[in-house]
Amino acid sequence: LQGKGIVELDGVRHLVEPHTVVHIPPGVRHGIFNTGLEDLIFIVVASPPQDMPAVQPARE
């Protein structure tokens, strides 16, 4: 949403800026780095893998 940076996925670097979308598959090593002079502000949306079993509530 603000700033410029680099997202590294399994050692490959990609430039990111506002309006950039990055998909990170499960198990991929990743990092994000601010390369600009202003704050790097971004949104993370995550969900569990589809093959993950449903979580059962704890029994009391």
Foldseek 3Di string as FASTA:
>chain_A
DAAWWWKAWQRDIDIDGPPDDDDHDPPTDMDIGGPDPDDDDDDDDDDDDPPDDDDDDDDD
